[in-house]
């Protein structure tokens, strides 16, 4: 295994996420992000390692997907202030049950699972839109530049909306690779490049969310 661009991007955001502890008190959902990014690095390295050995690894991606979406749901539940946040816990439980039943009993194969990913994406987008609706309905003025939840939710929404069509292609990659291996490799390389660009932009939004709590002291002259 080699240290790729994706590895550098993920290591960078993991280190930046540790900055949430620079100023206390730390909201609980922010404390979870270093753990999330650390687990994400591990999952990606396993996928990279198994890919190098030509071992089918979509099952790991299919298992990690519902867990990742559930993390998004939980974060959104922490920043939504209405009664809906209590129902998000039920949504997490229902989604996990549905996703794993679908994965192990209905779509029992080693291909990418588009159903779970689509359902997770739709639910995430709905919760994100509700957060923004709730945020801009508040009467008191808020400085968005100092509001971590605004940047975090923006990063989640930006990521799932742009990543969805990329992962949707994975459900067709198997048939494409059988028909024309050269064509599939060209598509794969382009997907990796686009994925890295999306990751950089997403992690920039995350970084603003992590760092905006740290106020720089102004010198008085």
N, C-alpha and C. Protein backbone atom coordinates (compact mmCIF):
# COMPACT_ATOMS: atom_id res chain seq x y z
N UNK A 1 0.84 -1.20 0.00
CA UNK A 1 0.00 0.00 0.00
C UNK A 1 0.87 1.25 0.00
N UNK A 2 0.43 2.27 -0.70
CA UNK A 2 1.17 3.51 -0.76
C UNK A 2 0.32 4.64 -0.18
N UNK A 3 0.99 5.73 0.18
CA UNK A 3 0.31 6.89 0.75
C UNK A 3 -0.25 7.72 -0.40
N UNK A 4 -1.56 7.65 -0.59
CA UNK A 4 -2.20 8.30 -1.73
C UNK A 4 -2.69 9.70 -1.37
N UNK A 5 -3.22 10.39 -2.38
CA UNK A 5 -3.80 11.72 -2.17
C UNK A 5 -4.97 11.64 -1.21
N UNK A 6 -5.77 10.60 -1.38
CA UNK A 6 -6.92 10.41 -0.48
C UNK A 6 -6.47 10.23 0.96
N UNK A 7 -5.38 9.48 1.16
CA UNK A 7 -4.86 9.27 2.51
C UNK A 7 -4.42 10.60 3.14
N UNK A 8 -3.75 11.43 2.35
CA UNK A 8 -3.29 12.73 2.84
C UNK A 8 -4.47 13.61 3.22
N UNK A 9 -5.52 13.59 2.39
CA UNK A 9 -6.71 14.40 2.66
C UNK A 9 -7.37 13.96 3.97
N UNK A 10 -7.51 12.65 4.13
CA UNK A 10 -8.17 12.13 5.32
C UNK A 10 -7.34 12.35 6.58
N UNK A 11 -6.03 12.19 6.48
CA UNK A 11 -5.18 12.46 7.64
C UNK A 11 -5.25 13.92 8.03
N UNK A 12 -5.30 14.81 7.05
CA UNK A 12 -5.37 16.25 7.32
C UNK A 12 -6.65 16.61 8.07
N UNK A 13 -7.79 16.08 7.59
CA UNK A 13 -9.05 16.44 8.25
C UNK A 13 -9.14 15.80 9.63
N UNK A 14 -8.53 14.64 9.82
CA UNK A 14 -8.50 14.02 11.14
C UNK A 14 -7.75 14.92 12.13
N UNK A 15 -6.59 15.41 11.71
CA UNK A 15 -5.80 16.29 12.59
C UNK A 15 -6.53 17.60 12.85
N UNK A 16 -7.18 18.14 11.83
CA UNK A 16 -7.93 19.38 12.01
C UNK A 16 -9.11 19.17 12.95
N UNK A 17 -9.74 18.00 12.86
CA UNK A 17 -10.90 17.73 13.72
C UNK A 17 -10.52 17.72 15.20
N UNK A 18 -9.27 17.45 15.50
CA UNK A 18 -8.82 17.45 16.90
C UNK A 18 -8.85 18.86 17.49
N UNK A 19 -8.92 19.87 16.63
CA UNK A 19 -8.93 21.25 17.11
C UNK A 19 -10.22 21.59 17.85
N UNK A 20 -11.25 20.74 17.75
CA UNK A 20 -12.50 21.03 18.46
C UNK A 20 -12.28 21.06 19.96
N UNK A 21 -11.22 20.39 20.42
CA UNK A 21 -10.94 20.35 21.85
C UNK A 21 -10.15 21.56 22.32
N UNK A 22 -9.82 22.47 21.39
CA UNK A 22 -9.03 23.64 21.75
C UNK A 22 -9.82 24.63 22.60
N UNK A 23 -11.13 24.61 22.44
CA UNK A 23 -11.97 25.52 23.22
C UNK A 23 -13.10 24.74 23.88
N UNK A 24 -13.25 24.89 25.17
CA UNK A 24 -14.29 24.18 25.91
C UNK A 24 -15.37 25.17 26.33
N UNK A 25 -16.62 24.67 26.51
CA UNK A 25 -17.06 23.28 26.37
C UNK A 25 -17.20 22.86 24.91
N UNK A 26 -17.05 21.56 24.68
CA UNK A 26 -17.11 21.01 23.33
C UNK A 26 -18.46 20.31 23.15
N UNK A 27 -19.28 20.73 22.20
CA UNK A 27 -20.53 20.00 21.94
C UNK A 27 -20.26 18.53 21.68
N UNK A 28 -21.16 17.69 22.16
CA UNK A 28 -20.93 16.24 22.08
C UNK A 28 -20.74 15.78 20.64
N UNK A 29 -21.53 16.30 19.72
CA UNK A 29 -21.43 15.82 18.33
C UNK A 29 -20.08 16.17 17.71
N UNK A 30 -19.48 17.29 18.15
CA UNK A 30 -18.16 17.64 17.63
C UNK A 30 -17.08 16.70 18.17
N UNK A 31 -17.26 16.23 19.39
CA UNK A 31 -16.28 15.31 19.98
C UNK A 31 -16.25 13.96 19.25
N UNK A 32 -17.32 13.65 18.54
CA UNK A 32 -17.39 12.37 17.84
C UNK A 32 -16.67 12.39 16.49
N UNK A 33 -16.43 13.57 15.95
CA UNK A 33 -15.86 13.65 14.60
C UNK A 33 -14.43 13.10 14.50
N UNK A 34 -13.54 13.35 15.47
CA UNK A 34 -12.21 12.70 15.37
C UNK A 34 -12.30 11.18 15.33
N UNK A 35 -13.23 10.61 16.09
CA UNK A 35 -13.42 9.15 16.07
C UNK A 35 -13.94 8.72 14.71
N UNK A 36 -14.89 9.48 14.17
CA UNK A 36 -15.46 9.16 12.86
C UNK A 36 -14.38 9.18 11.77
N UNK A 37 -13.58 10.23 11.74
CA UNK A 37 -12.55 10.34 10.70
C UNK A 37 -11.46 9.28 10.87
N UNK A 38 -11.18 8.92 12.11
CA UNK A 38 -10.19 7.86 12.35
C UNK A 38 -10.71 6.51 11.82
N UNK A 39 -11.97 6.20 12.10
CA UNK A 39 -12.56 4.96 11.60
C UNK A 39 -12.65 4.98 10.08
N UNK A 40 -12.93 6.16 9.52
CA UNK A 40 -13.00 6.29 8.06
C UNK A 40 -11.66 5.98 7.42
N UNK A 41 -10.58 6.44 8.05
CA UNK A 41 -9.24 6.15 7.53
C UNK A 41 -8.96 4.64 7.56
N UNK A 42 -9.36 3.99 8.64
CA UNK A 42 -9.14 2.55 8.76
C UNK A 42 -9.91 1.79 7.69
N UNK A 43 -11.19 2.14 7.52
CA UNK A 43 -12.02 1.47 6.52
C UNK A 43 -11.44 1.65 5.13
N UNK A 44 -11.02 2.87 4.80
CA UNK A 44 -10.46 3.13 3.47
C UNK A 44 -9.15 2.39 3.24
N UNK A 45 -8.33 2.26 4.28
CA UNK A 45 -7.07 1.52 4.12
C UNK A 45 -7.34 0.04 3.92
N UNK A 46 -8.34 -0.50 4.60
CA UNK A 46 -8.70 -1.91 4.40
C UNK A 46 -9.20 -2.12 2.99
N UNK A 47 -10.05 -1.19 2.51
CA UNK A 47 -10.56 -1.30 1.15
C UNK A 47 -9.42 -1.20 0.14
N UNK A 48 -8.49 -0.28 0.38
CA UNK A 48 -7.34 -0.13 -0.52
C UNK A 48 -6.47 -1.39 -0.52
N UNK A 49 -6.26 -1.95 0.67
CA UNK A 49 -5.42 -3.16 0.78
C UNK A 49 -6.06 -4.35 0.07
N UNK A 50 -7.36 -4.55 0.30
CA UNK A 50 -8.05 -5.68 -0.33
C UNK A 50 -8.15 -5.49 -1.84
N UNK A 51 -8.27 -4.23 -2.28
CA UNK A 51 -8.30 -3.96 -3.71
C UNK A 51 -6.98 -4.34 -4.37
N UNK A 52 -5.88 -4.00 -3.70
CA UNK A 52 -4.56 -4.36 -4.23
C UNK A 52 -4.39 -5.88 -4.35
N UNK A 53 -5.03 -6.61 -3.43
CA UNK A 53 -4.95 -8.08 -3.46
C UNK A 53 -6.04 -8.70 -4.33
N UNK A 54 -6.83 -7.83 -4.99
CA UNK A 54 -7.94 -8.28 -5.84
C UNK A 54 -8.96 -9.11 -5.06
N UNK A 55 -9.22 -8.67 -3.84
CA UNK A 55 -10.24 -9.31 -3.00
C UNK A 55 -11.50 -8.47 -3.05
N UNK A 56 -12.64 -9.10 -3.28
CA UNK A 56 -13.91 -8.36 -3.31
C UNK A 56 -14.15 -7.72 -1.94
N UNK A 57 -14.37 -6.42 -1.94
CA UNK A 57 -14.51 -5.70 -0.67
C UNK A 57 -15.76 -4.85 -0.58
N UNK A 58 -16.69 -5.04 -1.51
CA UNK A 58 -17.91 -4.24 -1.45
C UNK A 58 -18.74 -4.51 -0.21
N UNK A 59 -18.59 -5.70 0.37
CA UNK A 59 -19.34 -6.02 1.58
C UNK A 59 -18.96 -5.09 2.72
N UNK A 60 -17.67 -4.72 2.80
CA UNK A 60 -17.23 -3.78 3.83
C UNK A 60 -17.83 -2.40 3.58
N UNK A 61 -17.83 -1.97 2.33
CA UNK A 61 -18.42 -0.69 1.97
C UNK A 61 -19.92 -0.68 2.25
N UNK A 62 -20.58 -1.80 1.98
CA UNK A 62 -22.02 -1.89 2.22
C UNK A 62 -22.36 -1.88 3.71
N UNK A 63 -21.45 -2.41 4.54
CA UNK A 63 -21.67 -2.39 5.99
C UNK A 63 -21.37 -1.01 6.57
N UNK A 64 -20.28 -0.41 6.08
CA UNK A 64 -19.89 0.90 6.58
C UNK A 64 -20.91 1.98 6.19
N UNK A 65 -21.53 1.85 5.03
CA UNK A 65 -22.48 2.85 4.55
C UNK A 65 -23.59 3.16 5.55
N UNK A 66 -24.37 2.16 6.00
CA UNK A 66 -25.43 2.44 6.97
C UNK A 66 -24.91 3.02 8.28
N UNK A 67 -23.73 2.59 8.70
CA UNK A 67 -23.14 3.13 9.93
C UNK A 67 -22.81 4.61 9.74
N UNK A 68 -22.25 4.95 8.59
CA UNK A 68 -21.90 6.34 8.31
C UNK A 68 -23.14 7.22 8.23
N UNK A 69 -24.18 6.74 7.55
CA UNK A 69 -25.42 7.51 7.48
C UNK A 69 -26.04 7.68 8.87
N UNK A 70 -25.96 6.65 9.69
CA UNK A 70 -26.50 6.75 11.05
C UNK A 70 -25.75 7.80 11.86
N UNK A 71 -24.45 7.91 11.62
CA UNK A 71 -23.67 8.96 12.27
C UNK A 71 -24.16 10.33 11.82
N UNK A 72 -24.40 10.48 10.52
CA UNK A 72 -24.94 11.75 10.01
C UNK A 72 -26.29 12.06 10.68
N UNK A 73 -27.16 11.06 10.77
CA UNK A 73 -28.47 11.26 11.40
C UNK A 73 -28.30 11.74 12.84
N UNK A 74 -27.38 11.12 13.55
CA UNK A 74 -27.18 11.47 14.96
C UNK A 74 -26.69 12.91 15.09
N UNK A 75 -25.73 13.29 14.25
CA UNK A 75 -25.21 14.67 14.28
C UNK A 75 -26.34 15.65 13.99
N UNK A 76 -27.15 15.36 12.99
CA UNK A 76 -28.26 16.24 12.65
C UNK A 76 -29.28 16.30 13.79
N UNK A 77 -29.46 15.19 14.48
CA UNK A 77 -30.35 15.18 15.63
C UNK A 77 -29.84 16.06 16.76
N UNK A 78 -28.52 16.19 16.86
CA UNK A 78 -27.92 17.02 17.90
C UNK A 78 -28.06 18.52 17.62
N UNK A 79 -28.13 18.89 16.34
CA UNK A 79 -28.16 20.32 15.99
C UNK A 79 -29.57 20.81 15.68
N UNK A 80 -30.51 19.90 15.45
CA UNK A 80 -31.92 20.29 15.27
C UNK A 80 -32.54 20.47 16.64
N UNK A 81 -33.17 21.60 16.88
CA UNK A 81 -33.64 21.92 18.23
C UNK A 81 -35.12 21.60 18.46
N UNK A 82 -35.86 21.30 17.41
CA UNK A 82 -37.29 21.02 17.60
C UNK A 82 -37.50 19.59 18.10
N UNK A 83 -38.75 19.22 18.26
CA UNK A 83 -39.08 17.87 18.74
C UNK A 83 -38.66 16.79 17.75
N UNK A 84 -38.36 17.18 16.53
CA UNK A 84 -37.95 16.19 15.53
C UNK A 84 -36.66 15.49 15.94
N UNK A 85 -35.80 16.17 16.74
CA UNK A 85 -34.52 15.55 17.10
C UNK A 85 -34.70 14.27 17.91
N UNK A 86 -35.81 14.17 18.67
CA UNK A 86 -36.07 12.95 19.43
C UNK A 86 -36.46 11.79 18.51
N UNK A 87 -37.10 12.12 17.39
CA UNK A 87 -37.53 11.08 16.45
C UNK A 87 -36.38 10.56 15.61
N UNK A 88 -35.29 11.31 15.56
CA UNK A 88 -34.15 10.89 14.74
C UNK A 88 -33.54 9.61 15.29
N UNK A 89 -33.58 9.42 16.60
CA UNK A 89 -33.06 8.18 17.18
C UNK A 89 -33.86 6.98 16.68
N UNK A 90 -35.17 7.14 16.56
CA UNK A 90 -36.00 6.08 15.99
C UNK A 90 -35.68 5.87 14.52
N UNK A 91 -35.37 6.96 13.84
CA UNK A 91 -35.00 6.86 12.43
C UNK A 91 -33.72 6.07 12.26
N UNK A 92 -32.75 6.31 13.15
CA UNK A 92 -31.48 5.57 13.10
C UNK A 92 -31.73 4.07 13.27
N UNK A 93 -32.52 3.73 14.29
CA UNK A 93 -32.80 2.31 14.56
C UNK A 93 -33.53 1.67 13.38
N UNK A 94 -34.55 2.35 12.86
CA UNK A 94 -35.33 1.81 11.74
C UNK A 94 -34.46 1.66 10.50
N UNK A 95 -33.60 2.66 10.23
CA UNK A 95 -32.75 2.60 9.05
C UNK A 95 -31.74 1.46 9.14
N UNK A 96 -31.12 1.29 10.31
CA UNK A 96 -30.14 0.22 10.47
C UNK A 96 -30.79 -1.15 10.29
N UNK A 97 -31.97 -1.32 10.88
CA UNK A 97 -32.68 -2.60 10.75
C UNK A 97 -33.01 -2.86 9.28
N UNK A 98 -33.56 -1.85 8.61
CA UNK A 98 -33.90 -1.98 7.19
C UNK A 98 -32.65 -2.28 6.35
N UNK A 99 -31.58 -1.51 6.58
CA UNK A 99 -30.37 -1.63 5.75
C UNK A 99 -29.74 -3.01 5.87
N UNK A 100 -29.63 -3.52 7.08
CA UNK A 100 -28.95 -4.81 7.25
C UNK A 100 -29.84 -5.98 6.86
N UNK A 101 -31.15 -5.85 7.03
CA UNK A 101 -32.06 -6.89 6.52
C UNK A 101 -31.97 -6.94 5.00
N UNK A 102 -31.98 -5.76 4.37
CA UNK A 102 -31.87 -5.69 2.92
C UNK A 102 -30.53 -6.23 2.43
N UNK A 103 -29.47 -5.94 3.19
CA UNK A 103 -28.13 -6.35 2.78
C UNK A 103 -27.92 -7.86 2.89
N UNK A 104 -28.37 -8.44 3.99
CA UNK A 104 -28.06 -9.85 4.25
C UNK A 104 -29.14 -10.83 3.81
N UNK A 105 -30.37 -10.33 3.57
CA UNK A 105 -31.44 -11.26 3.24
C UNK A 105 -32.03 -11.05 1.84
N UNK A 106 -31.89 -9.86 1.27
CA UNK A 106 -32.48 -9.60 -0.03
C UNK A 106 -31.42 -9.39 -1.11
N UNK A 107 -30.53 -8.44 -0.91
CA UNK A 107 -29.48 -8.19 -1.90
C UNK A 107 -28.18 -8.85 -1.43
N UNK A 108 -28.22 -10.14 -1.37
CA UNK A 108 -27.08 -10.90 -0.84
C UNK A 108 -26.05 -11.14 -1.94
N UNK A 109 -25.24 -10.13 -2.19
CA UNK A 109 -24.16 -10.27 -3.15
C UNK A 109 -23.03 -9.32 -2.77
N UNK A 110 -21.95 -9.39 -3.50
CA UNK A 110 -20.78 -8.59 -3.18
C UNK A 110 -20.71 -7.33 -4.04
N UNK A 111 -21.86 -6.94 -4.60
CA UNK A 111 -21.90 -5.72 -5.40
C UNK A 111 -22.31 -4.54 -4.52
N UNK A 112 -22.08 -3.35 -5.03
CA UNK A 112 -22.49 -2.16 -4.29
C UNK A 112 -24.00 -2.16 -4.10
N UNK A 113 -24.45 -1.80 -2.88
CA UNK A 113 -25.87 -1.82 -2.55
C UNK A 113 -26.48 -0.44 -2.77
N UNK A 114 -27.13 -0.22 -3.92
CA UNK A 114 -27.66 1.12 -4.22
C UNK A 114 -28.90 1.48 -3.41
N UNK A 115 -29.66 0.47 -2.97
CA UNK A 115 -30.91 0.75 -2.25
C UNK A 115 -30.62 1.42 -0.91
N UNK A 116 -29.73 0.81 -0.11
CA UNK A 116 -29.39 1.38 1.19
C UNK A 116 -28.79 2.77 1.04
N UNK A 117 -27.93 2.93 0.03
CA UNK A 117 -27.28 4.22 -0.17
C UNK A 117 -28.29 5.29 -0.57
N UNK A 118 -29.24 4.92 -1.42
CA UNK A 118 -30.26 5.88 -1.85
C UNK A 118 -31.15 6.30 -0.69
N UNK A 119 -31.60 5.33 0.10
CA UNK A 119 -32.46 5.64 1.25
C UNK A 119 -31.72 6.52 2.25
N UNK A 120 -30.46 6.17 2.54
CA UNK A 120 -29.66 6.97 3.46
C UNK A 120 -29.46 8.38 2.96
N UNK A 121 -29.22 8.53 1.67
CA UNK A 121 -29.02 9.85 1.08
C UNK A 121 -30.28 10.70 1.18
N UNK A 122 -31.42 10.12 0.85
CA UNK A 122 -32.69 10.86 0.87
C UNK A 122 -33.00 11.33 2.29
N UNK A 123 -32.84 10.45 3.27
CA UNK A 123 -33.12 10.82 4.67
C UNK A 123 -32.17 11.93 5.13
N UNK A 124 -30.90 11.80 4.77
CA UNK A 124 -29.91 12.82 5.17
C UNK A 124 -30.26 14.17 4.58
N UNK A 125 -30.62 14.20 3.30
CA UNK A 125 -30.97 15.46 2.64
C UNK A 125 -32.20 16.09 3.29
N UNK A 126 -33.19 15.28 3.63
CA UNK A 126 -34.41 15.80 4.27
C UNK A 126 -34.07 16.44 5.61
N UNK A 127 -33.25 15.78 6.43
CA UNK A 127 -32.88 16.33 7.73
C UNK A 127 -32.03 17.60 7.58
N UNK A 128 -31.14 17.62 6.60
CA UNK A 128 -30.32 18.81 6.36
C UNK A 128 -31.18 20.01 5.97
N UNK A 129 -32.12 19.78 5.05
CA UNK A 129 -33.01 20.86 4.62
C UNK A 129 -33.85 21.35 5.80
N UNK A 130 -34.30 20.42 6.64
CA UNK A 130 -35.08 20.82 7.81
C UNK A 130 -34.23 21.66 8.75
N UNK A 131 -32.95 21.31 8.93
CA UNK A 131 -32.06 22.09 9.80
C UNK A 131 -31.95 23.52 9.29
N UNK A 132 -31.72 23.69 7.97
CA UNK A 132 -31.59 25.03 7.41
C UNK A 132 -32.90 25.80 7.52
N UNK A 133 -34.01 25.12 7.30
CA UNK A 133 -35.32 25.77 7.45
C UNK A 133 -35.50 26.26 8.88
N UNK A 134 -35.16 25.43 9.83
CA UNK A 134 -35.28 25.79 11.24
C UNK A 134 -34.33 26.93 11.60
N UNK A 135 -33.11 26.87 11.07
CA UNK A 135 -32.10 27.89 11.37
C UNK A 135 -32.55 29.27 10.90
N UNK A 136 -33.04 29.35 9.68
CA UNK A 136 -33.39 30.65 9.13
C UNK A 136 -34.78 31.12 9.56
N UNK A 137 -35.52 30.29 10.30
CA UNK A 137 -36.79 30.70 10.87
C UNK A 137 -36.61 31.36 12.23
N UNK A 138 -35.42 31.24 12.81
CA UNK A 138 -35.17 31.82 14.14
C UNK A 138 -35.16 33.34 14.04
N UNK A 139 -35.76 33.96 15.06
CA UNK A 139 -35.89 35.41 15.04
C UNK A 139 -34.58 36.11 15.42
N UNK A 140 -33.83 35.51 16.35
CA UNK A 140 -32.60 36.18 16.78
C UNK A 140 -31.52 36.04 15.72
N UNK A 141 -30.76 37.09 15.54
CA UNK A 141 -29.69 37.10 14.54
C UNK A 141 -28.53 36.23 15.01
N UNK A 142 -27.98 35.45 14.10
CA UNK A 142 -26.85 34.59 14.42
C UNK A 142 -25.74 34.81 13.39
N UNK A 143 -24.52 34.77 13.88
CA UNK A 143 -23.38 34.89 12.98
C UNK A 143 -23.03 33.50 12.47
N UNK A 144 -23.33 33.25 11.20
CA UNK A 144 -23.08 31.92 10.64
C UNK A 144 -21.60 31.60 10.61
N UNK A 145 -20.77 32.62 10.54
CA UNK A 145 -19.33 32.37 10.50
C UNK A 145 -18.82 31.77 11.80
N UNK A 146 -19.58 31.96 12.89
CA UNK A 146 -19.20 31.42 14.21
C UNK A 146 -20.10 30.26 14.63
N UNK A 147 -20.85 29.72 13.70
CA UNK A 147 -21.81 28.66 14.03
C UNK A 147 -21.32 27.33 13.46
N UNK A 148 -20.71 26.47 14.29
CA UNK A 148 -20.16 25.20 13.78
C UNK A 148 -21.19 24.33 13.09
N UNK A 149 -22.40 24.26 13.64
CA UNK A 149 -23.42 23.37 13.08
C UNK A 149 -23.77 23.74 11.64
N UNK A 150 -23.75 25.03 11.31
CA UNK A 150 -24.06 25.46 9.95
C UNK A 150 -23.06 24.88 8.96
N UNK A 151 -21.77 24.96 9.28
CA UNK A 151 -20.74 24.46 8.39
C UNK A 151 -20.71 22.94 8.34
N UNK A 152 -20.96 22.30 9.49
CA UNK A 152 -20.97 20.84 9.54
C UNK A 152 -22.11 20.29 8.69
N UNK A 153 -23.30 20.84 8.86
CA UNK A 153 -24.45 20.37 8.08
C UNK A 153 -24.25 20.68 6.60
N UNK A 154 -23.67 21.84 6.29
CA UNK A 154 -23.38 22.17 4.89
C UNK A 154 -22.43 21.15 4.28
N UNK A 155 -21.43 20.72 5.06
CA UNK A 155 -20.47 19.72 4.58
C UNK A 155 -21.16 18.39 4.33
N UNK A 156 -22.03 17.97 5.25
CA UNK A 156 -22.75 16.70 5.10
C UNK A 156 -23.64 16.75 3.86
N UNK A 157 -24.40 17.84 3.71
CA UNK A 157 -25.31 17.95 2.55
C UNK A 157 -24.52 17.99 1.25
N UNK A 158 -23.47 18.79 1.21
CA UNK A 158 -22.64 18.91 0.01
C UNK A 158 -22.06 17.54 -0.37
N UNK A 159 -21.60 16.80 0.63
CA UNK A 159 -20.96 15.51 0.37
C UNK A 159 -21.94 14.49 -0.18
N UNK A 160 -23.08 14.31 0.49
CA UNK A 160 -24.01 13.24 0.08
C UNK A 160 -24.65 13.55 -1.27
N UNK A 161 -24.90 14.83 -1.54
CA UNK A 161 -25.54 15.19 -2.80
C UNK A 161 -24.60 14.93 -3.97
N UNK A 162 -23.31 15.26 -3.82
CA UNK A 162 -22.37 15.10 -4.92
C UNK A 162 -21.81 13.67 -5.01
N UNK A 163 -21.73 12.99 -3.87
CA UNK A 163 -21.21 11.62 -3.89
C UNK A 163 -22.24 10.64 -4.42
N UNK A 164 -23.53 10.96 -4.27
CA UNK A 164 -24.58 10.03 -4.68
C UNK A 164 -24.45 9.56 -6.13
N UNK A 165 -24.32 10.47 -7.12
CA UNK A 165 -24.19 9.98 -8.50
C UNK A 165 -22.93 9.17 -8.74
N UNK A 166 -21.87 9.45 -7.97
CA UNK A 166 -20.63 8.69 -8.14
C UNK A 166 -20.83 7.25 -7.67
N UNK A 167 -21.40 7.09 -6.49
CA UNK A 167 -21.62 5.75 -5.98
C UNK A 167 -22.71 5.02 -6.76
N UNK A 168 -23.62 5.78 -7.36
CA UNK A 168 -24.64 5.15 -8.21
C UNK A 168 -23.99 4.45 -9.40
N UNK A 169 -22.88 5.01 -9.88
CA UNK A 169 -22.16 4.39 -10.99
C UNK A 169 -21.59 3.02 -10.62
N UNK A 170 -21.30 2.85 -9.33
CA UNK A 170 -20.70 1.58 -8.91
C UNK A 170 -21.61 0.39 -9.20
N UNK A 171 -22.93 0.64 -9.17
CA UNK A 171 -23.87 -0.45 -9.44
C UNK A 171 -23.82 -0.90 -10.89
N UNK A 172 -23.23 -0.06 -11.77
CA UNK A 172 -23.12 -0.41 -13.18
C UNK A 172 -21.70 -0.80 -13.57
N UNK A 173 -20.75 -0.61 -12.67
CA UNK A 173 -19.35 -0.85 -13.01
C UNK A 173 -19.08 -2.32 -13.33
N UNK A 174 -19.79 -3.23 -12.68
CA UNK A 174 -19.54 -4.65 -12.90
C UNK A 174 -19.86 -5.05 -14.33
N UNK A 175 -21.00 -4.60 -14.83
CA UNK A 175 -21.38 -4.94 -16.21
C UNK A 175 -20.47 -4.24 -17.21
N UNK A 176 -20.04 -3.00 -16.88
CA UNK A 176 -19.15 -2.28 -17.78
C UNK A 176 -17.79 -2.97 -17.86
N UNK A 177 -17.28 -3.43 -16.71
CA UNK A 177 -15.96 -4.06 -16.69
C UNK A 177 -15.96 -5.37 -17.47
N UNK A 178 -17.09 -6.06 -17.45
CA UNK A 178 -17.18 -7.30 -18.21
C UNK A 178 -17.22 -7.02 -19.70
N UNK A 179 -17.84 -5.92 -20.07
CA UNK A 179 -17.97 -5.60 -21.49
C UNK A 179 -16.67 -5.02 -22.05
N UNK A 180 -16.04 -4.14 -21.30
CA UNK A 180 -14.84 -3.47 -21.80
C UNK A 180 -13.99 -3.04 -20.61
N UNK A 181 -12.92 -3.78 -20.33
CA UNK A 181 -12.09 -3.50 -19.18
C UNK A 181 -11.38 -2.14 -19.30
N UNK A 182 -10.95 -1.80 -20.52
CA UNK A 182 -10.25 -0.53 -20.72
C UNK A 182 -11.17 0.64 -20.42
N UNK A 183 -12.41 0.55 -20.88
CA UNK A 183 -13.37 1.62 -20.62
C UNK A 183 -13.64 1.76 -19.13
N UNK A 184 -13.77 0.63 -18.43
CA UNK A 184 -14.04 0.67 -17.00
C UNK A 184 -12.90 1.31 -16.22
N UNK A 185 -11.66 1.08 -16.65
CA UNK A 185 -10.50 1.66 -15.97
C UNK A 185 -10.48 3.18 -16.17
N UNK A 186 -10.84 3.65 -17.35
CA UNK A 186 -10.89 5.09 -17.61
C UNK A 186 -11.94 5.74 -16.72
N UNK A 187 -13.11 5.11 -16.64
CA UNK A 187 -14.19 5.63 -15.80
C UNK A 187 -13.76 5.64 -14.33
N UNK A 188 -13.12 4.55 -13.90
CA UNK A 188 -12.70 4.44 -12.50
C UNK A 188 -11.71 5.54 -12.14
N UNK A 189 -10.72 5.78 -13.00
CA UNK A 189 -9.72 6.81 -12.73
C UNK A 189 -10.35 8.20 -12.64
N UNK A 190 -11.32 8.46 -13.52
CA UNK A 190 -12.02 9.75 -13.47
C UNK A 190 -12.85 9.88 -12.20
N UNK A 191 -13.47 8.77 -11.78
CA UNK A 191 -14.26 8.79 -10.56
C UNK A 191 -13.38 9.10 -9.35
N UNK A 192 -12.21 8.49 -9.29
CA UNK A 192 -11.29 8.73 -8.18
C UNK A 192 -10.88 10.19 -8.13
N UNK A 193 -10.58 10.79 -9.29
CA UNK A 193 -10.18 12.20 -9.34
C UNK A 193 -11.32 13.10 -8.86
N UNK A 194 -12.54 12.83 -9.33
CA UNK A 194 -13.69 13.64 -8.93
C UNK A 194 -13.96 13.46 -7.44
N UNK A 195 -13.82 12.22 -6.97
CA UNK A 195 -14.06 11.94 -5.55
C UNK A 195 -13.08 12.72 -4.67
N UNK A 196 -11.83 12.81 -5.09
CA UNK A 196 -10.83 13.55 -4.32
C UNK A 196 -11.15 15.04 -4.27
N UNK A 197 -11.63 15.58 -5.39
CA UNK A 197 -12.00 17.00 -5.43
C UNK A 197 -13.17 17.27 -4.48
N UNK A 198 -14.18 16.40 -4.54
CA UNK A 198 -15.33 16.55 -3.66
C UNK A 198 -14.91 16.43 -2.20
N UNK A 199 -14.00 15.50 -1.91
CA UNK A 199 -13.52 15.32 -0.54
C UNK A 199 -12.83 16.58 -0.03
N UNK A 200 -12.00 17.19 -0.87
CA UNK A 200 -11.29 18.42 -0.47
C UNK A 200 -12.29 19.52 -0.14
N UNK A 201 -13.28 19.73 -1.02
CA UNK A 201 -14.27 20.78 -0.79
C UNK A 201 -15.11 20.49 0.44
N UNK A 202 -15.48 19.22 0.62
CA UNK A 202 -16.26 18.84 1.80
C UNK A 202 -15.48 19.07 3.07
N UNK A 203 -14.22 18.65 3.08
CA UNK A 203 -13.40 18.78 4.29
C UNK A 203 -13.05 20.24 4.57
N UNK A 204 -13.07 21.09 3.56
CA UNK A 204 -12.89 22.52 3.80
C UNK A 204 -14.06 23.06 4.62
N UNK A 205 -15.27 22.62 4.29
CA UNK A 205 -16.44 23.03 5.06
C UNK A 205 -16.37 22.49 6.48
N UNK A 206 -15.98 21.22 6.61
CA UNK A 206 -15.80 20.64 7.95
C UNK A 206 -14.78 21.44 8.75
N UNK A 207 -13.67 21.79 8.10
CA UNK A 207 -12.59 22.50 8.79
C UNK A 207 -13.07 23.85 9.34
N UNK A 208 -13.86 24.56 8.53
CA UNK A 208 -14.41 25.83 9.00
C UNK A 208 -15.28 25.60 10.23
N UNK A 209 -16.08 24.53 10.20
CA UNK A 209 -16.93 24.20 11.34
C UNK A 209 -16.13 23.88 12.59
N UNK A 210 -14.99 23.21 12.43
CA UNK A 210 -14.17 22.86 13.58
C UNK A 210 -13.41 24.06 14.13
N UNK A 211 -12.98 24.94 13.24
CA UNK A 211 -12.08 26.03 13.63
C UNK A 211 -12.81 27.32 13.98
N UNK A 212 -14.07 27.46 13.56
CA UNK A 212 -14.74 28.75 13.75
C UNK A 212 -15.02 29.04 15.22
N UNK A 213 -14.96 28.04 16.08
CA UNK A 213 -15.17 28.26 17.51
C UNK A 213 -13.97 28.92 18.17
N UNK A 214 -12.82 28.85 17.51
CA UNK A 214 -11.60 29.38 18.10
C UNK A 214 -11.48 30.85 17.72
N UNK A 215 -11.69 31.71 18.66
CA UNK A 215 -11.60 33.15 18.40
C UNK A 215 -10.16 33.61 18.61
N UNK A 216 -9.67 34.30 17.64
CA UNK A 216 -8.32 34.85 17.76
C UNK A 216 -8.38 36.15 18.57
N UNK A 217 -7.54 36.23 19.56
CA UNK A 217 -7.53 37.41 20.42
C UNK A 217 -6.94 38.60 19.70
N UNK A 218 -7.61 39.74 19.77
CA UNK A 218 -7.16 40.93 19.10
C UNK A 218 -6.31 41.76 20.07
N UNK A 219 -5.17 42.17 19.59
CA UNK A 219 -4.29 42.98 20.43
C UNK A 219 -4.83 44.40 20.53
N UNK A 220 -4.81 44.94 21.69
CA UNK A 220 -5.27 46.32 21.89
C UNK A 220 -4.08 47.24 21.98
N UNK A 221 -3.99 48.14 21.04
CA UNK A 221 -2.84 49.06 20.99
C UNK A 221 -3.31 50.47 21.31
